[in-house]
């Protein structure tokens, strides 16, 4: 559990994240639009270069780790184990 906690970071708790910065989100969306307009066939280039498949593998591995940690936490709670590692995110 401790190793998963180190790699994955703190647990996700809905409603306890940071406040969303609307101006930052708008700037990010605008930047992505400009980049996509300036680089034609960006998606195709990412597929051919291997960047898109690598990102999909990374996201799949991250999801698997989060699910595994959730399963182990549930098992620990069911067995009455004391969980001291990787406390949830606090808002």
Protein backbone atom coordinates (compact mmCIF):
# COMPACT_ATOMS: atom_id res chain seq x y z
CA UNK A 1 0.00 0.00 0.00
CA UNK A 2 2.80 2.41 0.86
CA UNK A 3 4.52 1.84 -2.49
CA UNK A 4 1.28 2.47 -4.38
CA UNK A 5 0.70 5.59 -2.29
CA UNK A 6 4.13 6.95 -3.15
CA UNK A 7 3.64 6.39 -6.87
CA UNK A 8 -0.02 7.42 -7.17
CA UNK A 9 -0.11 10.30 -4.71
CA UNK A 10 -2.98 11.05 -2.34
CA UNK A 11 -6.42 9.49 -2.68
CA UNK A 12 -9.06 11.37 -4.64
CA UNK A 13 -11.98 12.60 -2.57
CA UNK A 14 -14.83 14.19 -4.59
CA UNK A 15 -15.49 17.78 -3.59
CA UNK A 16 -12.15 18.20 -1.84
CA UNK A 17 -10.04 19.30 -4.80
CA UNK A 18 -8.65 22.72 -5.52
CA UNK A 19 -10.93 25.45 -6.83
CA UNK A 20 -11.09 25.61 -10.59
CA UNK A 21 -9.50 28.67 -12.15
CA UNK A 22 -11.91 29.72 -14.91
CA UNK A 23 -9.47 32.15 -16.54
CA UNK A 24 -6.77 29.48 -16.55
CA UNK A 25 -9.13 26.95 -18.15
CA UNK A 26 -10.10 29.46 -20.85
CA UNK A 27 -6.45 30.25 -21.56
CA UNK A 28 -5.63 26.53 -21.76
CA UNK A 29 -8.51 25.90 -24.18
CA UNK A 30 -7.44 28.87 -26.32
CA UNK A 31 -3.86 27.66 -26.37
CA UNK A 32 -4.89 24.18 -27.45
CA UNK A 33 -7.04 25.64 -30.21
CA UNK A 34 -4.12 27.71 -31.52
CA UNK A 35 -1.73 24.75 -31.41
CA UNK A 36 -4.21 22.50 -33.19
CA UNK A 37 -4.74 25.17 -35.86
CA UNK A 38 -1.00 25.71 -36.40
CA UNK A 39 -0.05 22.02 -36.52
CA UNK A 40 -2.16 20.27 -39.14
CA UNK A 41 -2.66 16.53 -38.64
CA UNK A 42 -1.43 16.81 -35.03
CA UNK A 43 -3.36 13.69 -34.01
CA UNK A 44 -1.90 11.71 -36.88
CA UNK A 45 1.62 12.88 -36.01
CA UNK A 46 1.10 11.83 -32.37
CA UNK A 47 -0.06 8.37 -33.48
CA UNK A 48 2.83 7.87 -35.92
CA UNK A 49 5.46 9.18 -33.48
CA UNK A 50 4.18 6.93 -30.69
CA UNK A 51 3.21 9.77 -28.34
CA UNK A 52 -0.52 8.96 -28.35
CA UNK A 53 -0.09 5.20 -27.70
CA UNK A 54 2.42 5.98 -24.92
CA UNK A 55 -0.05 8.38 -23.32
CA UNK A 56 -2.81 5.74 -23.49
CA UNK A 57 -0.51 3.15 -21.85
CA UNK A 58 0.40 5.65 -19.12
CA UNK A 59 -3.26 6.46 -18.41
CA UNK A 60 -4.18 2.75 -18.36
CA UNK A 61 -1.38 2.01 -15.89
CA UNK A 62 -2.41 4.92 -13.68
CA UNK A 63 -6.05 3.79 -13.68
CA UNK A 64 -5.01 0.21 -12.85
CA UNK A 65 -2.92 1.45 -9.92
CA UNK A 66 -5.78 3.55 -8.56
CA UNK A 67 -8.20 0.64 -8.82
CA UNK A 68 -5.72 -1.74 -7.19
CA UNK A 69 -5.15 0.65 -4.30
CA UNK A 70 -8.92 1.07 -3.86
CA UNK A 71 -9.37 -2.70 -3.78
CA UNK A 72 -6.58 -3.14 -1.23
CA UNK A 73 -7.98 -0.34 0.94
CA UNK A 74 -11.42 -1.99 0.85
CA UNK A 75 -9.90 -5.32 1.78
CA UNK A 76 -7.98 -3.72 4.65
CA UNK A 77 -11.09 -1.98 5.99
CA UNK A 78 -13.12 -5.21 5.75
CA UNK A 79 -10.47 -7.02 7.79
CA UNK A 80 -10.22 -4.23 10.36
CA UNK A 81 -6.68 -3.16 9.50
CA UNK A 82 -5.47 0.27 10.55
CA UNK A 83 -4.68 2.42 7.50
CA UNK A 84 -2.07 5.07 8.18
CA UNK A 85 -0.44 5.59 4.79
CA UNK A 86 -1.56 7.97 2.07
CA UNK A 87 -4.32 10.04 3.71
CA UNK A 88 -7.00 11.49 1.41
CA UNK A 89 -6.66 14.93 -0.16
CA UNK A 90 -7.91 17.71 2.06
CA UNK A 91 -9.52 20.81 0.52
